[in-house]
């Protein structure tokens, strides 16, 4: 299911040449849910997006609260993990484990 978080990968590194981050073209975004909040991390070289959504039970859909674009995957991953700390240590550790598993499957360098 497309998230609209960022355009599909086209293997174009863009102007500037060398690309240090690769993500498999069929990678799905990393998702982490904490209660009604859903975090999406999606990216390609030089365009990593972290989006925060909140579930609205009255209309039965998610509302986008925040979307931030990062140039480097470590910035985006750090921002995500920083936000998970507010949910407690066990939740943050769970999110970190999930992020590592996703990065391995996606061939992403974080």
C-alpha atoms as a PDB file:
ATOM      1  CA  UNK A   1       0.000   0.000   0.000  1.00  0.00           C
ATOM      2  CA  UNK A   2       1.609   3.318  -1.025  1.00  0.00           C
ATOM      3  CA  UNK A   3       1.987   5.766   1.825  1.00  0.00           C
ATOM      4  CA  UNK A   4       2.590   8.912  -0.174  1.00  0.00           C
ATOM      5  CA  UNK A   5       5.537   9.551   2.147  1.00  0.00           C
ATOM      6  CA  UNK A   6       7.985   9.797  -0.727  1.00  0.00           C
ATOM      7  CA  UNK A   7       8.070   9.027  -4.430  1.00  0.00           C
ATOM      8  CA  UNK A   8       8.965   5.492  -5.523  1.00  0.00           C
ATOM      9  CA  UNK A   9      12.665   4.757  -5.971  1.00  0.00           C
ATOM     10  CA  UNK A  10      13.978   5.238  -9.471  1.00  0.00           C
ATOM     11  CA  UNK A  11      17.653   4.462  -8.824  1.00  0.00           C
ATOM     12  CA  UNK A  12      18.539   8.032  -9.767  1.00  0.00           C
ATOM     13  CA  UNK A  13      21.150   9.427  -7.385  1.00  0.00           C
ATOM     14  CA  UNK A  14      20.374  12.922  -8.618  1.00  0.00           C
ATOM     15  CA  UNK A  15      22.861  15.692  -9.110  1.00  0.00           C
ATOM     16  CA  UNK A  16      26.019  15.357  -7.110  1.00  0.00           C
ATOM     17  CA  UNK A  17      27.137  11.855  -7.947  1.00  0.00           C
ATOM     18  CA  UNK A  18      28.111   9.382  -5.250  1.00  0.00           C
ATOM     19  CA  UNK A  19      25.370   7.721  -3.266  1.00  0.00           C
ATOM     20  CA  UNK A  20      26.233   6.084   0.049  1.00  0.00           C
ATOM     21  CA  UNK A  21      22.803   4.700   0.940  1.00  0.00           C
ATOM     22  CA  UNK A  22      21.040   1.982  -0.985  1.00  0.00           C
ATOM     23  CA  UNK A  23      17.581   0.626  -0.353  1.00  0.00           C
ATOM     24  CA  UNK A  24      16.054  -2.299  -2.177  1.00  0.00           C
ATOM     25  CA  UNK A  25      13.558  -0.993  -4.773  1.00  0.00           C
ATOM     26  CA  UNK A  26      10.701  -3.097  -3.352  1.00  0.00           C
ATOM     27  CA  UNK A  27      11.188  -1.999   0.240  1.00  0.00           C
ATOM     28  CA  UNK A  28       8.130  -1.088   2.230  1.00  0.00           C
ATOM     29  CA  UNK A  29       8.349   1.757   4.738  1.00  0.00           C
ATOM     30  CA  UNK A  30       9.330   1.032   8.317  1.00  0.00           C
ATOM     31  CA  UNK A  31       6.283   1.395  10.557  1.00  0.00           C
ATOM     32  CA  UNK A  32       5.989   1.547  14.315  1.00  0.00           C
ATOM     33  CA  UNK A  33       2.751   1.939  16.225  1.00  0.00           C
ATOM     34  CA  UNK A  34       2.366   3.263  19.754  1.00  0.00           C
ATOM     35  CA  UNK A  35      -1.282   3.295  20.750  1.00  0.00           C
ATOM     36  CA  UNK A  36      -3.100   5.629  18.352  1.00  0.00           C
ATOM     37  CA  UNK A  37       0.193   6.977  16.897  1.00  0.00           C
ATOM     38  CA  UNK A  38       1.740   5.478  13.795  1.00  0.00           C
ATOM     39  CA  UNK A  39       5.239   6.393  12.637  1.00  0.00           C
ATOM     40  CA  UNK A  40       6.385   5.815   9.053  1.00  0.00           C
ATOM     41  CA  UNK A  41      10.005   5.964   7.918  1.00  0.00           C
ATOM     42  CA  UNK A  42      10.607   5.728   4.206  1.00  0.00           C
ATOM     43  CA  UNK A  43      13.476   6.727   2.053  1.00  0.00           C
ATOM     44  CA  UNK A  44      15.794   6.638  -0.838  1.00  0.00           C
ATOM     45  CA  UNK A  45      19.168   8.270  -1.332  1.00  0.00           C
ATOM     46  CA  UNK A  46      19.129  11.858  -0.045  1.00  0.00           C
ATOM     47  CA  UNK A  47      15.389  11.826   0.691  1.00  0.00           C
ATOM     48  CA  UNK A  48      14.300  10.199   3.946  1.00  0.00           C
ATOM     49  CA  UNK A  49      10.856  10.975   5.298  1.00  0.00           C
ATOM     50  CA  UNK A  50       9.567  10.490   8.824  1.00  0.00           C
ATOM     51  CA  UNK A  51       5.817  10.913   9.169  1.00  0.00           C
ATOM     52  CA  UNK A  52       3.681  10.822  12.295  1.00  0.00           C
ATOM     53  CA  UNK A  53       0.029   9.881  11.986  1.00  0.00           C
ATOM     54  CA  UNK A  54      -2.712   9.680  14.623  1.00  0.00           C
ATOM     55  CA  UNK A  55      -5.720   7.403  14.365  1.00  0.00           C
ATOM     56  CA  UNK A  56      -9.073   9.181  14.419  1.00  0.00           C
ATOM     57  CA  UNK A  57     -11.583   6.591  15.652  1.00  0.00           C
ATOM     58  CA  UNK A  58     -14.618   8.758  14.918  1.00  0.00           C
ATOM     59  CA  UNK A  59     -13.823   8.692  11.172  1.00  0.00           C
ATOM     60  CA  UNK A  60     -11.853   5.428  11.240  1.00  0.00           C
ATOM     61  CA  UNK A  61      -8.728   6.756   9.502  1.00  0.00           C
ATOM     62  CA  UNK A  62      -5.292   8.189  10.210  1.00  0.00           C
ATOM     63  CA  UNK A  63      -4.520  11.898  10.175  1.00  0.00           C
ATOM     64  CA  UNK A  64      -1.036  13.113   9.342  1.00  0.00           C
ATOM     65  CA  UNK A  65       0.297  15.218  12.189  1.00  0.00           C
ATOM     66  CA  UNK A  66       3.869  15.804  11.085  1.00  0.00           C
ATOM     67  CA  UNK A  67       6.163  15.031   8.171  1.00  0.00           C
ATOM     68  CA  UNK A  68       9.854  15.825   8.083  1.00  0.00           C
ATOM     69  CA  UNK A  69      12.397  15.161   5.354  1.00  0.00           C
ATOM     70  CA  UNK A  70      15.994  14.257   6.118  1.00  0.00           C
ATOM     71  CA  UNK A  71      18.983  14.021   3.825  1.00  0.00           C
ATOM     72  CA  UNK A  72      20.657  11.157   5.691  1.00  0.00           C
ATOM     73  CA  UNK A  73      19.066   7.948   6.979  1.00  0.00           C
ATOM     74  CA  UNK A  74      20.802   8.254  10.358  1.00  0.00           C
ATOM     75  CA  UNK A  75      19.124  11.609  10.919  1.00  0.00           C
ATOM     76  CA  UNK A  76      15.712  10.138  10.165  1.00  0.00           C
ATOM     77  CA  UNK A  77      16.313   7.010  12.252  1.00  0.00           C
ATOM     78  CA  UNK A  78      17.648   9.118  15.130  1.00  0.00           C
ATOM     79  CA  UNK A  79      14.589  11.356  15.031  1.00  0.00           C
ATOM     80  CA  UNK A  80      12.296   8.321  15.080  1.00  0.00           C
ATOM     81  CA  UNK A  81      14.126   6.675  17.966  1.00  0.00           C
ATOM     82  CA  UNK A  82      14.213   9.957  19.860  1.00  0.00           C
ATOM     83  CA  UNK A  83      10.438  10.129  19.707  1.00  0.00           C
ATOM     84  CA  UNK A  84      10.038   6.527  20.882  1.00  0.00           C
ATOM     85  CA  UNK A  85      11.837   7.330  24.139  1.00  0.00           C
ATOM     86  CA  UNK A  86       8.763   9.261  25.295  1.00  0.00           C
ATOM     87  CA  UNK A  87       6.885   5.945  25.307  1.00  0.00           C
ATOM     88  CA  UNK A  88       9.321   4.306  27.721  1.00  0.00           C
ATOM     89  CA  UNK A  89      12.435   2.208  27.560  1.00  0.00           C
ATOM     90  CA  UNK A  90      10.786  -1.074  26.513  1.00  0.00           C
ATOM     91  CA  UNK A  91       8.889   0.623  23.677  1.00  0.00           C
ATOM     92  CA  UNK A  92      12.041   2.410  22.505  1.00  0.00           C
ATOM     93  CA  UNK A  93      14.001  -0.850  22.552  1.00  0.00           C
ATOM     94  CA  UNK A  94      11.225  -2.593  20.633  1.00  0.00           C
ATOM     95  CA  UNK A  95      11.228   0.146  18.000  1.00  0.00           C
ATOM     96  CA  UNK A  96      15.029  -0.005  17.725  1.00  0.00           C
ATOM     97  CA  UNK A  97      14.952  -3.789  17.207  1.00  0.00           C
ATOM     98  CA  UNK A  98      12.253  -3.422  14.571  1.00  0.00           C
ATOM     99  CA  UNK A  99      14.212  -0.688  12.819  1.00  0.00           C
ATOM    100  CA  UNK A 100      17.335  -2.851  12.670  1.00  0.00           C
ATOM    101  CA  UNK A 101      15.335  -5.801  11.295  1.00  0.00           C
ATOM    102  CA  UNK A 102      13.774  -3.535   8.657  1.00  0.00           C
ATOM    103  CA  UNK A 103      17.168  -2.081   7.690  1.00  0.00           C
ATOM    104  CA  UNK A 104      18.614  -5.567   7.196  1.00  0.00           C
ATOM    105  CA  UNK A 105      15.689  -6.621   4.968  1.00  0.00           C
ATOM    106  CA  UNK A 106      15.796  -3.320   3.067  1.00  0.00           C
ATOM    107  CA  UNK A 107      19.585  -3.386   2.655  1.00  0.00           C
ATOM    108  CA  UNK A 108      19.590   0.087   4.189  1.00  0.00           C
ATOM    109  CA  UNK A 109      22.675   1.576   5.782  1.00  0.00           C
ATOM    110  CA  UNK A 110      21.661   3.473   8.904  1.00  0.00           C
END
